[in-house]
Amino acid sequence: MPDKANPIVPIKLDKERHLKFGMRAMLAFEEKTGKNVLKGLSGDMSGTELVTLFWACLLHEEKELTLDAAIDLFDEYSTVYDLAEKVTQARNLGMPEEKGEIDRPLAESSPDGSSSGALVDLPSD
């Protein structure tokens, strides 16, 4: 069973593959569709969005996979329902825990007073 510590979703296609909604998938999806996957894609994805997100979630395993090859995998080994379920599962695992994490600028303070913009605390002069 996939979880946040190991955010991959296994899917049986020509072989067992693993969907991962990480930064590579987000950027590839946005590049192909022009849509921000963090702010969009309600439950009513178009076929183009679904197969493009499927392809993008496979890129972590096979960087040279083409969209056409992903469409062939989908057509030969899956159904729209099964694919939508797996892609949605992968997207949900890769999303931030809280809705506010998407919209908050990197340097904005969190409710607990900490800053999310700096990776380390630098000494002040």
N, C-alpha and C. Protein backbone atom coordinates (compact mmCIF):
# COMPACT_ATOMS: atom_id res chain seq x y z
N MET A 1 0.85 -1.18 0.00
CA MET A 1 0.00 0.00 0.00
C MET A 1 0.89 1.24 0.00
N PRO A 2 0.69 2.14 -0.95
CA PRO A 2 1.50 3.36 -1.01
C PRO A 2 1.20 4.28 0.17
N ASP A 3 2.18 5.07 0.55
CA ASP A 3 2.00 6.03 1.63
C ASP A 3 2.88 7.24 1.39
N LYS A 4 2.76 8.26 2.27
CA LYS A 4 3.51 9.50 2.09
C LYS A 4 5.02 9.28 2.19
N ALA A 5 5.46 8.27 2.95
CA ALA A 5 6.89 8.01 3.08
C ALA A 5 7.47 7.40 1.80
N ASN A 6 6.64 6.73 1.04
CA ASN A 6 7.07 6.11 -0.21
C ASN A 6 5.99 6.41 -1.26
N PRO A 7 5.98 7.66 -1.78
CA PRO A 7 4.85 8.11 -2.59
C PRO A 7 4.83 7.58 -4.03
N ILE A 8 4.82 6.28 -4.16
CA ILE A 8 4.67 5.67 -5.48
C ILE A 8 3.45 4.76 -5.47
N VAL A 9 2.84 4.62 -6.61
CA VAL A 9 1.67 3.76 -6.75
C VAL A 9 1.99 2.71 -7.81
N PRO A 10 2.04 1.44 -7.41
CA PRO A 10 2.32 0.39 -8.39
C PRO A 10 1.15 0.23 -9.36
N ILE A 11 1.48 -0.05 -10.61
CA ILE A 11 0.45 -0.29 -11.62
C ILE A 11 0.97 -1.38 -12.55
N LYS A 12 0.12 -2.36 -12.81
CA LYS A 12 0.49 -3.48 -13.68
C LYS A 12 0.17 -3.11 -15.11
N LEU A 13 1.22 -2.98 -15.92
CA LEU A 13 1.07 -2.67 -17.34
C LEU A 13 1.79 -3.78 -18.11
N ASP A 14 2.74 -3.45 -18.94
CA ASP A 14 3.55 -4.47 -19.61
C ASP A 14 4.42 -5.18 -18.59
N LYS A 15 4.68 -4.51 -17.49
CA LYS A 15 5.39 -5.02 -16.32
C LYS A 15 4.92 -4.15 -15.17
N GLU A 16 5.33 -4.47 -13.96
CA GLU A 16 4.95 -3.59 -12.86
C GLU A 16 5.71 -2.28 -13.00
N ARG A 17 4.99 -1.22 -13.03
CA ARG A 17 5.56 0.12 -13.09
C ARG A 17 5.08 0.87 -11.86
N HIS A 18 5.64 2.05 -11.65
CA HIS A 18 5.33 2.81 -10.44
C HIS A 18 5.07 4.27 -10.80
N LEU A 19 3.88 4.74 -10.48
CA LEU A 19 3.52 6.13 -10.72
C LEU A 19 4.02 6.97 -9.55
N LYS A 20 4.65 8.08 -9.88
CA LYS A 20 5.13 8.98 -8.84
C LYS A 20 4.83 10.42 -9.27
N PHE A 21 4.10 11.12 -8.43
CA PHE A 21 3.77 12.51 -8.69
C PHE A 21 4.76 13.38 -7.92
N GLY A 22 5.93 13.57 -8.52
CA GLY A 22 6.96 14.42 -7.93
C GLY A 22 7.19 15.63 -8.82
N MET A 23 8.27 16.32 -8.57
CA MET A 23 8.56 17.54 -9.31
C MET A 23 8.73 17.27 -10.80
N ARG A 24 9.38 16.16 -11.17
CA ARG A 24 9.54 15.82 -12.59
C ARG A 24 8.17 15.69 -13.26
N ALA A 25 7.25 15.02 -12.59
CA ALA A 25 5.91 14.84 -13.15
C ALA A 25 5.17 16.17 -13.26
N MET A 26 5.26 16.99 -12.22
CA MET A 26 4.58 18.28 -12.25
C MET A 26 5.07 19.14 -13.41
N LEU A 27 6.38 19.24 -13.55
CA LEU A 27 6.95 20.08 -14.60
C LEU A 27 6.65 19.54 -16.00
N ALA A 28 6.73 18.23 -16.16
CA ALA A 28 6.43 17.63 -17.46
C ALA A 28 4.97 17.85 -17.85
N PHE A 29 4.07 17.68 -16.88
CA PHE A 29 2.65 17.90 -17.14
C PHE A 29 2.40 19.35 -17.53
N GLU A 30 2.96 20.27 -16.76
CA GLU A 30 2.76 21.70 -17.04
C GLU A 30 3.34 22.08 -18.40
N GLU A 31 4.49 21.52 -18.75
CA GLU A 31 5.11 21.82 -20.04
C GLU A 31 4.23 21.35 -21.20
N LYS A 32 3.66 20.15 -21.06
CA LYS A 32 2.83 19.59 -22.15
C LYS A 32 1.46 20.25 -22.26
N THR A 33 0.86 20.60 -21.11
CA THR A 33 -0.52 21.08 -21.12
C THR A 33 -0.66 22.58 -20.92
N GLY A 34 0.36 23.21 -20.34
CA GLY A 34 0.25 24.62 -20.00
C GLY A 34 -0.59 24.86 -18.76
N LYS A 35 -0.96 23.80 -18.04
CA LYS A 35 -1.80 23.91 -16.85
C LYS A 35 -0.97 23.66 -15.59
N ASN A 36 -1.30 24.40 -14.55
CA ASN A 36 -0.66 24.23 -13.24
C ASN A 36 -1.38 23.11 -12.52
N VAL A 37 -0.75 21.97 -12.41
CA VAL A 37 -1.37 20.79 -11.82
C VAL A 37 -1.63 20.97 -10.32
N LEU A 38 -0.93 21.88 -9.66
CA LEU A 38 -1.16 22.11 -8.23
C LEU A 38 -2.43 22.90 -7.98
N LYS A 39 -2.85 23.70 -8.92
CA LYS A 39 -4.03 24.53 -8.72
C LYS A 39 -5.25 24.04 -9.50
N GLY A 40 -5.03 23.13 -10.41
CA GLY A 40 -6.15 22.70 -11.25
C GLY A 40 -6.44 21.23 -11.10
N LEU A 41 -7.06 20.70 -12.09
CA LEU A 41 -7.42 19.29 -12.19
C LEU A 41 -8.34 18.84 -11.07
N SER A 42 -9.56 19.24 -11.17
CA SER A 42 -10.56 18.69 -10.27
C SER A 42 -10.81 17.26 -10.69
N GLY A 43 -11.83 16.66 -10.22
CA GLY A 43 -12.11 15.27 -10.55
C GLY A 43 -12.51 15.05 -12.00
N ASP A 44 -12.73 16.10 -12.75
CA ASP A 44 -13.18 15.93 -14.13
C ASP A 44 -12.06 16.27 -15.13
N MET A 45 -11.03 15.44 -15.15
CA MET A 45 -9.92 15.60 -16.09
C MET A 45 -10.36 15.20 -17.48
N SER A 46 -9.80 15.86 -18.46
CA SER A 46 -10.02 15.44 -19.85
C SER A 46 -9.15 14.21 -20.11
N GLY A 47 -9.42 13.54 -21.21
CA GLY A 47 -8.59 12.40 -21.59
C GLY A 47 -7.15 12.81 -21.81
N THR A 48 -6.95 13.98 -22.41
CA THR A 48 -5.60 14.48 -22.64
C THR A 48 -4.88 14.72 -21.32
N GLU A 49 -5.57 15.33 -20.36
CA GLU A 49 -4.95 15.59 -19.05
C GLU A 49 -4.63 14.28 -18.33
N LEU A 50 -5.55 13.32 -18.39
CA LEU A 50 -5.35 12.04 -17.72
C LEU A 50 -4.13 11.30 -18.27
N VAL A 51 -4.06 11.14 -19.58
CA VAL A 51 -2.94 10.39 -20.15
C VAL A 51 -1.63 11.16 -20.02
N THR A 52 -1.70 12.49 -20.05
CA THR A 52 -0.48 13.29 -19.89
C THR A 52 0.03 13.18 -18.46
N LEU A 53 -0.86 13.19 -17.48
CA LEU A 53 -0.43 13.02 -16.09
C LEU A 53 0.10 11.61 -15.85
N PHE A 54 -0.52 10.61 -16.46
CA PHE A 54 -0.05 9.23 -16.39
C PHE A 54 1.38 9.15 -16.92
N TRP A 55 1.60 9.68 -18.10
CA TRP A 55 2.95 9.71 -18.72
C TRP A 55 3.94 10.41 -17.79
N ALA A 56 3.54 11.58 -17.29
CA ALA A 56 4.45 12.37 -16.45
C ALA A 56 4.81 11.62 -15.17
N CYS A 57 3.88 10.86 -14.61
CA CYS A 57 4.13 10.11 -13.38
C CYS A 57 5.01 8.88 -13.61
N LEU A 58 5.21 8.49 -14.85
CA LEU A 58 6.11 7.38 -15.16
C LEU A 58 7.54 7.83 -15.47
N LEU A 59 7.74 9.10 -15.70
CA LEU A 59 9.05 9.60 -16.13
C LEU A 59 10.17 9.37 -15.11
N HIS A 60 9.84 9.27 -13.84
CA HIS A 60 10.90 9.04 -12.84
C HIS A 60 11.58 7.70 -13.05
N GLU A 61 10.87 6.73 -13.64
CA GLU A 61 11.45 5.41 -13.91
C GLU A 61 12.07 5.32 -15.30
N GLU A 62 11.50 6.03 -16.23
CA GLU A 62 11.95 5.93 -17.63
C GLU A 62 11.91 7.33 -18.25
N LYS A 63 13.00 8.06 -18.08
CA LYS A 63 13.06 9.47 -18.51
C LYS A 63 12.83 9.66 -20.00
N GLU A 64 13.10 8.64 -20.81
CA GLU A 64 12.95 8.76 -22.26
C GLU A 64 11.57 8.32 -22.76
N LEU A 65 10.68 7.94 -21.86
CA LEU A 65 9.34 7.51 -22.26
C LEU A 65 8.63 8.65 -22.97
N THR A 66 8.07 8.35 -24.13
CA THR A 66 7.34 9.37 -24.87
C THR A 66 5.86 9.32 -24.50
N LEU A 67 5.18 10.41 -24.76
CA LEU A 67 3.74 10.45 -24.53
C LEU A 67 3.04 9.39 -25.39
N ASP A 68 3.47 9.22 -26.64
CA ASP A 68 2.89 8.20 -27.51
C ASP A 68 3.07 6.80 -26.93
N ALA A 69 4.24 6.51 -26.38
CA ALA A 69 4.48 5.19 -25.78
C ALA A 69 3.60 5.00 -24.54
N ALA A 70 3.40 6.05 -23.78
CA ALA A 70 2.52 5.97 -22.60
C ALA A 70 1.08 5.72 -23.03
N ILE A 71 0.65 6.35 -24.11
CA ILE A 71 -0.69 6.12 -24.64
C ILE A 71 -0.84 4.66 -25.06
N ASP A 72 0.18 4.11 -25.70
CA ASP A 72 0.15 2.69 -26.09
C ASP A 72 0.06 1.79 -24.86
N LEU A 73 0.82 2.08 -23.81
CA LEU A 73 0.73 1.30 -22.58
C LEU A 73 -0.68 1.35 -22.02
N PHE A 74 -1.23 2.54 -21.99
CA PHE A 74 -2.59 2.72 -21.49
C PHE A 74 -3.58 1.91 -22.31
N ASP A 75 -3.52 2.06 -23.63
CA ASP A 75 -4.47 1.36 -24.51
C ASP A 75 -4.39 -0.15 -24.40
N GLU A 76 -3.18 -0.66 -24.25
CA GLU A 76 -2.99 -2.11 -24.24
C GLU A 76 -3.24 -2.76 -22.88
N TYR A 77 -2.95 -2.04 -21.79
CA TYR A 77 -2.92 -2.70 -20.49
C TYR A 77 -3.86 -2.14 -19.43
N SER A 78 -4.62 -1.11 -19.72
CA SER A 78 -5.42 -0.51 -18.67
C SER A 78 -6.78 -0.06 -19.19
N THR A 79 -7.61 0.39 -18.27
CA THR A 79 -8.90 0.98 -18.61
C THR A 79 -8.90 2.42 -18.09
N VAL A 80 -9.80 3.23 -18.60
CA VAL A 80 -9.87 4.62 -18.15
C VAL A 80 -10.12 4.67 -16.65
N TYR A 81 -11.04 3.86 -16.16
CA TYR A 81 -11.36 3.86 -14.73
C TYR A 81 -10.14 3.50 -13.89
N ASP A 82 -9.46 2.40 -14.23
CA ASP A 82 -8.30 1.97 -13.45
C ASP A 82 -7.18 3.00 -13.50
N LEU A 83 -6.94 3.53 -14.68
CA LEU A 83 -5.88 4.52 -14.82
C LEU A 83 -6.19 5.79 -14.03
N ALA A 84 -7.43 6.26 -14.12
CA ALA A 84 -7.82 7.47 -13.37
C ALA A 84 -7.66 7.25 -11.88
N GLU A 85 -8.01 6.08 -11.40
CA GLU A 85 -7.88 5.77 -9.98
C GLU A 85 -6.41 5.79 -9.55
N LYS A 86 -5.53 5.18 -10.32
CA LYS A 86 -4.11 5.11 -9.98
C LYS A 86 -3.44 6.48 -10.08
N VAL A 87 -3.74 7.22 -11.14
CA VAL A 87 -3.14 8.55 -11.31
C VAL A 87 -3.60 9.48 -10.20
N THR A 88 -4.88 9.41 -9.85
CA THR A 88 -5.40 10.24 -8.76
C THR A 88 -4.72 9.88 -7.44
N GLN A 89 -4.52 8.61 -7.21
CA GLN A 89 -3.85 8.14 -6.00
C GLN A 89 -2.41 8.69 -5.95
N ALA A 90 -1.71 8.62 -7.06
CA ALA A 90 -0.33 9.13 -7.12
C ALA A 90 -0.31 10.64 -6.89
N ARG A 91 -1.23 11.35 -7.50
CA ARG A 91 -1.29 12.81 -7.33
C ARG A 91 -1.58 13.16 -5.88
N ASN A 92 -2.51 12.47 -5.26
CA ASN A 92 -2.84 12.75 -3.86
C ASN A 92 -1.67 12.49 -2.93
N LEU A 93 -0.90 11.44 -3.21
CA LEU A 93 0.28 11.15 -2.38
C LEU A 93 1.36 12.20 -2.53
N GLY A 94 1.47 12.78 -3.71
CA GLY A 94 2.51 13.77 -3.96
C GLY A 94 2.14 15.19 -3.58
N MET A 95 0.89 15.41 -3.21
CA MET A 95 0.43 16.76 -2.87
C MET A 95 0.83 17.12 -1.43
N PRO A 96 0.99 18.42 -1.18
CA PRO A 96 1.26 18.87 0.20
C PRO A 96 0.12 18.45 1.12
N GLU A 97 0.43 18.30 2.40
CA GLU A 97 -0.54 17.87 3.39
C GLU A 97 -1.68 18.87 3.57
N GLU A 98 -1.34 20.15 3.61
CA GLU A 98 -2.35 21.17 3.87
C GLU A 98 -2.55 22.02 2.63
N LYS A 99 -3.80 22.38 2.36
CA LYS A 99 -4.12 23.17 1.19
C LYS A 99 -3.32 24.47 1.16
N GLY A 100 -3.11 25.12 2.28
CA GLY A 100 -2.39 26.38 2.35
C GLY A 100 -0.95 26.28 1.91
N GLU A 101 -0.38 25.08 1.93
CA GLU A 101 1.02 24.91 1.53
C GLU A 101 1.23 25.20 0.06
N ILE A 102 0.20 25.06 -0.75
CA ILE A 102 0.32 25.31 -2.18
C ILE A 102 0.37 26.80 -2.46
N ASP A 103 -0.47 27.55 -1.76
CA ASP A 103 -0.64 28.97 -2.06
C ASP A 103 0.32 29.89 -1.31
N ARG A 104 0.95 29.40 -0.25
CA ARG A 104 1.81 30.24 0.57
C ARG A 104 3.15 30.46 -0.12
N PRO A 105 3.58 31.73 -0.26
CA PRO A 105 4.91 31.98 -0.85
C PRO A 105 5.99 31.30 -0.02
N LEU A 106 7.11 30.98 -0.65
CA LEU A 106 8.18 30.25 0.04
C LEU A 106 8.70 30.95 1.28
N ALA A 107 8.80 32.27 1.27
CA ALA A 107 9.41 32.97 2.40
C ALA A 107 8.39 33.41 3.44
N GLU A 108 7.12 33.12 3.23
CA GLU A 108 6.10 33.54 4.19
C GLU A 108 6.22 32.72 5.46
N SER A 109 5.94 33.34 6.59
CA SER A 109 5.99 32.64 7.86
C SER A 109 4.82 31.68 7.99
N SER A 110 5.07 30.57 8.64
CA SER A 110 4.03 29.60 8.94
C SER A 110 3.28 30.07 10.17
N PRO A 111 2.11 29.49 10.47
CA PRO A 111 1.36 29.88 11.66
C PRO A 111 2.15 29.75 12.95
N ASP A 112 3.14 28.84 13.01
CA ASP A 112 3.93 28.67 14.22
C ASP A 112 5.07 29.67 14.32
N GLY A 113 5.16 30.59 13.33
CA GLY A 113 6.19 31.63 13.38
C GLY A 113 7.45 31.29 12.63
N SER A 114 7.58 30.05 12.17
CA SER A 114 8.79 29.68 11.44
C SER A 114 8.68 30.14 9.99
N SER A 115 9.80 30.29 9.34
CA SER A 115 9.82 30.71 7.94
C SER A 115 10.07 29.50 7.08
N SER A 116 9.33 29.41 5.99
CA SER A 116 9.53 28.28 5.08
C SER A 116 10.47 28.63 3.95
N GLY A 117 11.00 29.86 3.93
CA GLY A 117 11.82 30.30 2.82
C GLY A 117 13.28 29.94 2.93
N ALA A 118 13.83 29.86 4.11
CA ALA A 118 15.24 29.59 4.27
C ALA A 118 15.46 28.14 4.64
N LEU A 119 16.47 27.52 4.06
CA LEU A 119 16.77 26.14 4.38
C LEU A 119 17.60 26.03 5.65
N VAL A 120 18.40 27.05 5.95
CA VAL A 120 19.20 27.06 7.18
C VAL A 120 19.11 28.45 7.79
N ASP A 121 19.32 28.52 9.10
CA ASP A 121 19.36 29.81 9.77
C ASP A 121 20.77 30.37 9.66
N LEU A 122 20.88 31.55 9.09
CA LEU A 122 22.18 32.19 8.96
C LEU A 122 22.39 33.14 10.12
N PRO A 123 23.60 33.22 10.65
CA PRO A 123 23.84 34.13 11.77
C PRO A 123 23.69 35.57 11.29
N SER A 124 23.10 36.40 12.16
CA SER A 124 22.96 37.81 11.81
C SER A 124 24.16 38.57 12.32
N ASP A 125 24.53 39.64 11.61
CA ASP A 125 25.70 40.44 11.99
C ASP A 125 25.40 41.41 13.09
